[in-house]
Amino acid sequence: MYWSSLSDFFAMGGHAGFIWPAFAIGFAVLGGLALLSRRALGEAERELAEARREAGRSGDSRDA
């Protein structure tokens, strides 16, 4: 499909009311997943650091 102007592109052949909200929802979901993943990574790294500190205090010198 070819558009003769930028406004034709944004109108998406009359389907803009369906297409642009779908893009927005998709980007919002992907952004939310990225934020949740970063938060979970930080929490897992903190738990790992705490577990390593606890292992060091107990005198267990095994490295995993």
PDB file of N, CA and C in Angstrom:
ATOM      1  N   MET A   1       0.843  -1.171   0.000  1.00  0.00           N
ATOM      2  CA  MET A   1       0.000   0.000   0.000  1.00  0.00           C
ATOM      3  C   MET A   1       0.890   1.236   0.000  1.00  0.00           C
ATOM      4  N   TYR A   2       0.564   2.178  -0.831  1.00  0.00           N
ATOM      5  CA  TYR A   2       1.321   3.415  -0.943  1.00  0.00           C
ATOM      6  C   TYR A   2       0.474   4.577  -0.433  1.00  0.00           C
ATOM      7  N   TRP A   3       1.119   5.481   0.285  1.00  0.00           N
ATOM      8  CA  TRP A   3       0.429   6.647   0.809  1.00  0.00           C
ATOM      9  C   TRP A   3       0.946   7.881   0.092  1.00  0.00           C
ATOM     10  N   SER A   4       0.040   8.794  -0.244  1.00  0.00           N
ATOM     11  CA  SER A   4       0.444   9.999  -0.956  1.00  0.00           C
ATOM     12  C   SER A   4       0.863  11.124  -0.017  1.00  0.00           C
ATOM     13  N   SER A   5       0.552  10.986   1.262  1.00  0.00           N
ATOM     14  CA  SER A   5       0.952  12.012   2.231  1.00  0.00           C
ATOM     15  C   SER A   5       1.095  11.374   3.601  1.00  0.00           C
ATOM     16  N   LEU A   6       1.663  12.134   4.509  1.00  0.00           N
ATOM     17  CA  LEU A   6       1.849  11.649   5.873  1.00  0.00           C
ATOM     18  C   LEU A   6       0.507  11.443   6.570  1.00  0.00           C
ATOM     19  N   SER A   7      -0.462  12.298   6.278  1.00  0.00           N
ATOM     20  CA  SER A   7      -1.780  12.139   6.895  1.00  0.00           C
ATOM     21  C   SER A   7      -2.460  10.864   6.398  1.00  0.00           C
ATOM     22  N   ASP A   8      -2.214  10.477   5.142  1.00  0.00           N
ATOM     23  CA  ASP A   8      -2.742   9.203   4.638  1.00  0.00           C
ATOM     24  C   ASP A   8      -2.107   8.030   5.381  1.00  0.00           C
ATOM     25  N   PHE A   9      -0.813   8.163   5.658  1.00  0.00           N
ATOM     26  CA  PHE A   9      -0.139   7.105   6.416  1.00  0.00           C
ATOM     27  C   PHE A   9      -0.759   6.956   7.795  1.00  0.00           C
ATOM     28  N   PHE A  10      -0.938   8.064   8.505  1.00  0.00           N
ATOM     29  CA  PHE A  10      -1.498   8.006   9.853  1.00  0.00           C
ATOM     30  C   PHE A  10      -2.959   7.561   9.855  1.00  0.00           C
ATOM     31  N   ALA A  11      -3.669   7.774   8.761  1.00  0.00           N
ATOM     32  CA  ALA A  11      -5.058   7.314   8.659  1.00  0.00           C
ATOM     33  C   ALA A  11      -5.119   5.813   8.406  1.00  0.00           C
ATOM     34  N   MET A  12      -4.035   5.239   7.903  1.00  0.00           N
ATOM     35  CA  MET A  12      -3.932   3.797   7.648  1.00  0.00           C
ATOM     36  C   MET A  12      -5.103   3.255   6.845  1.00  0.00           C
ATOM     37  N   GLY A  13      -5.462   3.964   5.825  1.00  0.00           N
ATOM     38  CA  GLY A  13      -6.533   3.492   4.952  1.00  0.00           C
ATOM     39  C   GLY A  13      -7.876   3.389   5.654  1.00  0.00           C
ATOM     40  N   GLY A  14      -8.093   4.210   6.652  1.00  0.00           N
ATOM     41  CA  GLY A  14      -9.351   4.197   7.388  1.00  0.00           C
ATOM     42  C   GLY A  14      -9.363   3.254   8.579  1.00  0.00           C
ATOM     43  N   HIS A  15      -8.254   2.565   8.809  1.00  0.00           N
ATOM     44  CA  HIS A  15      -8.184   1.598   9.914  1.00  0.00           C
ATOM     45  C   HIS A  15      -7.346   2.095  11.088  1.00  0.00           C
ATOM     46  N   ALA A  16      -7.031   3.372  11.120  1.00  0.00           N
ATOM     47  CA  ALA A  16      -6.164   3.923  12.161  1.00  0.00           C
ATOM     48  C   ALA A  16      -6.744   3.731  13.559  1.00  0.00           C
ATOM     49  N   GLY A  17      -8.059   3.736  13.676  1.00  0.00           N
ATOM     50  CA  GLY A  17      -8.703   3.552  14.977  1.00  0.00           C
ATOM     51  C   GLY A  17      -8.442   2.184  15.584  1.00  0.00           C
ATOM     52  N   PHE A  18      -8.039   1.228  14.776  1.00  0.00           N
ATOM     53  CA  PHE A  18      -7.711  -0.106  15.261  1.00  0.00           C
ATOM     54  C   PHE A  18      -6.209  -0.338  15.329  1.00  0.00           C
ATOM     55  N   ILE A  19      -5.492   0.216  14.360  1.00  0.00           N
ATOM     56  CA  ILE A  19      -4.063  -0.062  14.244  1.00  0.00           C
ATOM     57  C   ILE A  19      -3.252   0.649  15.317  1.00  0.00           C
ATOM     58  N   TRP A  20      -3.436   1.967  15.486  1.00  0.00           N
ATOM     59  CA  TRP A  20      -2.607   2.709  16.435  1.00  0.00           C
ATOM     60  C   TRP A  20      -2.841   2.300  17.887  1.00  0.00           C
ATOM     61  N   PRO A  21      -4.077   2.065  18.320  1.00  0.00           N
ATOM     62  CA  PRO A  21      -4.233   1.550  19.688  1.00  0.00           C
ATOM     63  C   PRO A  21      -3.589   0.171  19.878  1.00  0.00           C
ATOM     64  N   ALA A  22      -3.623  -0.656  18.833  1.00  0.00           N
ATOM     65  CA  ALA A  22      -2.976  -1.965  18.940  1.00  0.00           C
ATOM     66  C   ALA A  22      -1.470  -1.809  19.124  1.00  0.00           C
ATOM     67  N   PHE A  23      -0.855  -0.882  18.367  1.00  0.00           N
ATOM     68  CA  PHE A  23       0.565  -0.610  18.555  1.00  0.00           C
ATOM     69  C   PHE A  23       0.830  -0.088  19.964  1.00  0.00           C
ATOM     70  N   ALA A  24       0.002   0.828  20.435  1.00  0.00           N
ATOM     71  CA  ALA A  24       0.201   1.404  21.767  1.00  0.00           C
ATOM     72  C   ALA A  24       0.095   0.336  22.855  1.00  0.00           C
ATOM     73  N   ILE A  25      -0.898  -0.528  22.744  1.00  0.00           N
ATOM     74  CA  ILE A  25      -1.057  -1.606  23.731  1.00  0.00           C
ATOM     75  C   ILE A  25       0.133  -2.549  23.677  1.00  0.00           C
ATOM     76  N   GLY A  26       0.561  -2.882  22.478  1.00  0.00           N
ATOM     77  CA  GLY A  26       1.720  -3.768  22.330  1.00  0.00           C
ATOM     78  C   GLY A  26       2.970  -3.184  22.954  1.00  0.00           C
ATOM     79  N   PHE A  27       3.244  -1.905  22.677  1.00  0.00           N
ATOM     80  CA  PHE A  27       4.419  -1.266  23.263  1.00  0.00           C
ATOM     81  C   PHE A  27       4.291  -1.144  24.777  1.00  0.00           C
ATOM     82  N   ALA A  28       3.091  -0.874  25.279  1.00  0.00           N
ATOM     83  CA  ALA A  28       2.891  -0.775  26.728  1.00  0.00           C
ATOM     84  C   ALA A  28       3.147  -2.125  27.404  1.00  0.00           C
ATOM     85  N   VAL A  29       2.661  -3.185  26.797  1.00  0.00           N
ATOM     86  CA  VAL A  29       2.876  -4.525  27.365  1.00  0.00           C
ATOM     87  C   VAL A  29       4.359  -4.875  27.355  1.00  0.00           C
ATOM     88  N   LEU A  30       5.031  -4.633  26.233  1.00  0.00           N
ATOM     89  CA  LEU A  30       6.464  -4.930  26.158  1.00  0.00           C
ATOM     90  C   LEU A  30       7.265  -4.076  27.142  1.00  0.00           C
ATOM     91  N   GLY A  31       6.905  -2.804  27.271  1.00  0.00           N
ATOM     92  CA  GLY A  31       7.585  -1.941  28.239  1.00  0.00           C
ATOM     93  C   GLY A  31       7.365  -2.404  29.666  1.00  0.00           C
ATOM     94  N   GLY A  32       6.135  -2.803  29.981  1.00  0.00           N
ATOM     95  CA  GLY A  32       5.844  -3.324  31.316  1.00  0.00           C
ATOM     96  C   GLY A  32       6.609  -4.592  31.617  1.00  0.00           C
ATOM     97  N   LEU A  33       6.695  -5.477  30.641  1.00  0.00           N
ATOM     98  CA  LEU A  33       7.466  -6.705  30.832  1.00  0.00           C
ATOM     99  C   LEU A  33       8.945  -6.407  31.050  1.00  0.00           C
ATOM    100  N   ALA A  34       9.470  -5.427  30.324  1.00  0.00           N
ATOM    101  CA  ALA A  34      10.872  -5.049  30.499  1.00  0.00           C
ATOM    102  C   ALA A  34      11.109  -4.508  31.910  1.00  0.00           C
ATOM    103  N   LEU A  35      10.196  -3.654  32.393  1.00  0.00           N
ATOM    104  CA  LEU A  35      10.344  -3.112  33.745  1.00  0.00           C
ATOM    105  C   LEU A  35      10.238  -4.191  34.809  1.00  0.00           C
ATOM    106  N   LEU A  36       9.275  -5.083  34.658  1.00  0.00           N
ATOM    107  CA  LEU A  36       9.132  -6.172  35.622  1.00  0.00           C
ATOM    108  C   LEU A  36      10.344  -7.099  35.609  1.00  0.00           C
ATOM    109  N   SER A  37      10.901  -7.343  34.437  1.00  0.00           N
ATOM    110  CA  SER A  37      12.080  -8.197  34.327  1.00  0.00           C
ATOM    111  C   SER A  37      13.281  -7.564  35.010  1.00  0.00           C
ATOM    112  N   ARG A  38      13.455  -6.245  34.811  1.00  0.00           N
ATOM    113  CA  ARG A  38      14.577  -5.567  35.475  1.00  0.00           C
ATOM    114  C   ARG A  38      14.419  -5.584  36.989  1.00  0.00           C
ATOM    115  N   ARG A  39      13.185  -5.404  37.451  1.00  0.00           N
ATOM    116  CA  ARG A  39      12.936  -5.434  38.893  1.00  0.00           C
ATOM    117  C   ARG A  39      13.221  -6.826  39.454  1.00  0.00           C
ATOM    118  N   ALA A  40      12.785  -7.864  38.751  1.00  0.00           N
ATOM    119  CA  ALA A  40      13.023  -9.235  39.204  1.00  0.00           C
ATOM    120  C   ALA A  40      14.515  -9.562  39.186  1.00  0.00           C
ATOM    121  N   LEU A  41      15.240  -9.068  38.186  1.00  0.00           N
ATOM    122  CA  LEU A  41      16.682  -9.289  38.128  1.00  0.00           C
ATOM    123  C   LEU A  41      17.369  -8.645  39.321  1.00  0.00           C
ATOM    124  N   GLY A  42      17.009  -7.413  39.624  1.00  0.00           N
ATOM    125  CA  GLY A  42      17.609  -6.736  40.770  1.00  0.00           C
ATOM    126  C   GLY A  42      17.337  -7.470  42.070  1.00  0.00           C
ATOM    127  N   GLU A  43      16.107  -7.951  42.229  1.00  0.00           N
ATOM    128  CA  GLU A  43      15.760  -8.699  43.436  1.00  0.00           C
ATOM    129  C   GLU A  43      16.541 -10.004  43.514  1.00  0.00           C
ATOM    130  N   ALA A  44      16.679 -10.694  42.396  1.00  0.00           N
ATOM    131  CA  ALA A  44      17.434 -11.955  42.388  1.00  0.00           C
ATOM    132  C   ALA A  44      18.906 -11.705  42.686  1.00  0.00           C
ATOM    133  N   GLU A  45      19.454 -10.616  42.165  1.00  0.00           N
ATOM    134  CA  GLU A  45      20.855 -10.301  42.448  1.00  0.00           C
ATOM    135  C   GLU A  45      21.050  -9.967  43.920  1.00  0.00           C
ATOM    136  N   ARG A  46      20.097  -9.247  44.525  1.00  0.00           N
ATOM    137  CA  ARG A  46      20.194  -8.943  45.954  1.00  0.00           C
ATOM    138  C   ARG A  46      20.111 -10.224  46.793  1.00  0.00           C
ATOM    139  N   GLU A  47      19.196 -11.123  46.425  1.00  0.00           N
ATOM    140  CA  GLU A  47      19.068 -12.376  47.153  1.00  0.00           C
ATOM    141  C   GLU A  47      20.332 -13.217  47.027  1.00  0.00           C
ATOM    142  N   LEU A  48      20.943 -13.239  45.846  1.00  0.00           N
ATOM    143  CA  LEU A  48      22.178 -13.989  45.639  1.00  0.00           C
ATOM    144  C   LEU A  48      23.300 -13.405  46.488  1.00  0.00           C
ATOM    145  N   ALA A  49      23.415 -12.083  46.506  1.00  0.00           N
ATOM    146  CA  ALA A  49      24.457 -11.445  47.305  1.00  0.00           C
ATOM    147  C   ALA A  49      24.255 -11.752  48.788  1.00  0.00           C
ATOM    148  N   GLU A  50      23.001 -11.726  49.238  1.00  0.00           N
ATOM    149  CA  GLU A  50      22.720 -12.037  50.643  1.00  0.00           C
ATOM    150  C   GLU A  50      23.050 -13.488  50.948  1.00  0.00           C
ATOM    151  N   ALA A  51      22.705 -14.390  50.046  1.00  0.00           N
ATOM    152  CA  ALA A  51      23.004 -15.813  50.258  1.00  0.00           C
ATOM    153  C   ALA A  51      24.506 -16.044  50.305  1.00  0.00           C
ATOM    154  N   ARG A  52      25.246 -15.330  49.458  1.00  0.00           N
ATOM    155  CA  ARG A  52      26.706 -15.485  49.476  1.00  0.00           C
ATOM    156  C   ARG A  52      27.293 -14.943  50.770  1.00  0.00           C
ATOM    157  N   ARG A  53      26.736 -13.825  51.270  1.00  0.00           N
ATOM    158  CA  ARG A  53      27.218 -13.294  52.556  1.00  0.00           C
ATOM    159  C   ARG A  53      26.921 -14.273  53.683  1.00  0.00           C
ATOM    160  N   GLU A  54      25.719 -14.836  53.673  1.00  0.00           N
ATOM    161  CA  GLU A  54      25.347 -15.807  54.711  1.00  0.00           C
ATOM    162  C   GLU A  54      26.242 -17.046  54.640  1.00  0.00           C
ATOM    163  N   ALA A  55      26.542 -17.489  53.436  1.00  0.00           N
ATOM    164  CA  ALA A  55      27.418 -18.674  53.281  1.00  0.00           C
ATOM    165  C   ALA A  55      28.804 -18.357  53.807  1.00  0.00           C
ATOM    166  N   GLY A  56      29.270 -17.137  53.620  1.00  0.00           N
ATOM    167  CA  GLY A  56      30.588 -16.744  54.116  1.00  0.00           C
ATOM    168  C   GLY A  56      30.623 -16.677  55.623  1.00  0.00           C
ATOM    169  N   ARG A  57      29.525 -16.276  56.253  1.00  0.00           N
ATOM    170  CA  ARG A  57      29.470 -16.183  57.727  1.00  0.00           C
ATOM    171  C   ARG A  57      29.415 -17.561  58.367  1.00  0.00           C
ATOM    172  N   SER A  58      28.817 -18.521  57.674  1.00  0.00           N
ATOM    173  CA  SER A  58      28.670 -19.845  58.278  1.00  0.00           C
ATOM    174  C   SER A  58      29.944 -20.649  58.214  1.00  0.00           C
ATOM    175  N   GLY A  59      30.974 -20.129  57.535  1.00  0.00           N
ATOM    176  CA  GLY A  59      32.246 -20.820  57.471  1.00  0.00           C
ATOM    177  C   GLY A  59      32.310 -21.822  56.332  1.00  0.00           C
ATOM    178  N   ASP A  60      31.299 -21.874  55.518  1.00  0.00           N
ATOM    179  CA  ASP A  60      31.290 -22.782  54.370  1.00  0.00           C
ATOM    180  C   ASP A  60      32.111 -22.137  53.256  1.00  0.00           C
ATOM    181  N   SER A  61      33.258 -22.735  52.931  1.00  0.00           N
ATOM    182  CA  SER A  61      34.139 -22.120  51.942  1.00  0.00           C
ATOM    183  C   SER A  61      33.966 -22.690  50.550  1.00  0.00           C
ATOM    184  N   ARG A  62      32.919 -23.453  50.335  1.00  0.00           N
ATOM    185  CA  ARG A  62      32.675 -24.020  49.001  1.00  0.00           C
ATOM    186  C   ARG A  62      32.196 -22.920  48.065  1.00  0.00           C
ATOM    187  N   ASP A  63      32.740 -22.877  46.869  1.00  0.00           N
ATOM    188  CA  ASP A  63      32.284 -21.943  45.836  1.00  0.00           C
ATOM    189  C   ASP A  63      31.397 -22.708  44.876  1.00  0.00           C
ATOM    190  N   ALA A  64      30.227 -22.158  44.599  1.00  0.00           N
ATOM    191  CA  ALA A  64      29.289 -22.844  43.705  1.00  0.00           C
ATOM    192  C   ALA A  64      29.522 -22.421  42.292  1.00  0.00           C
TER     193      ALA A  64
END
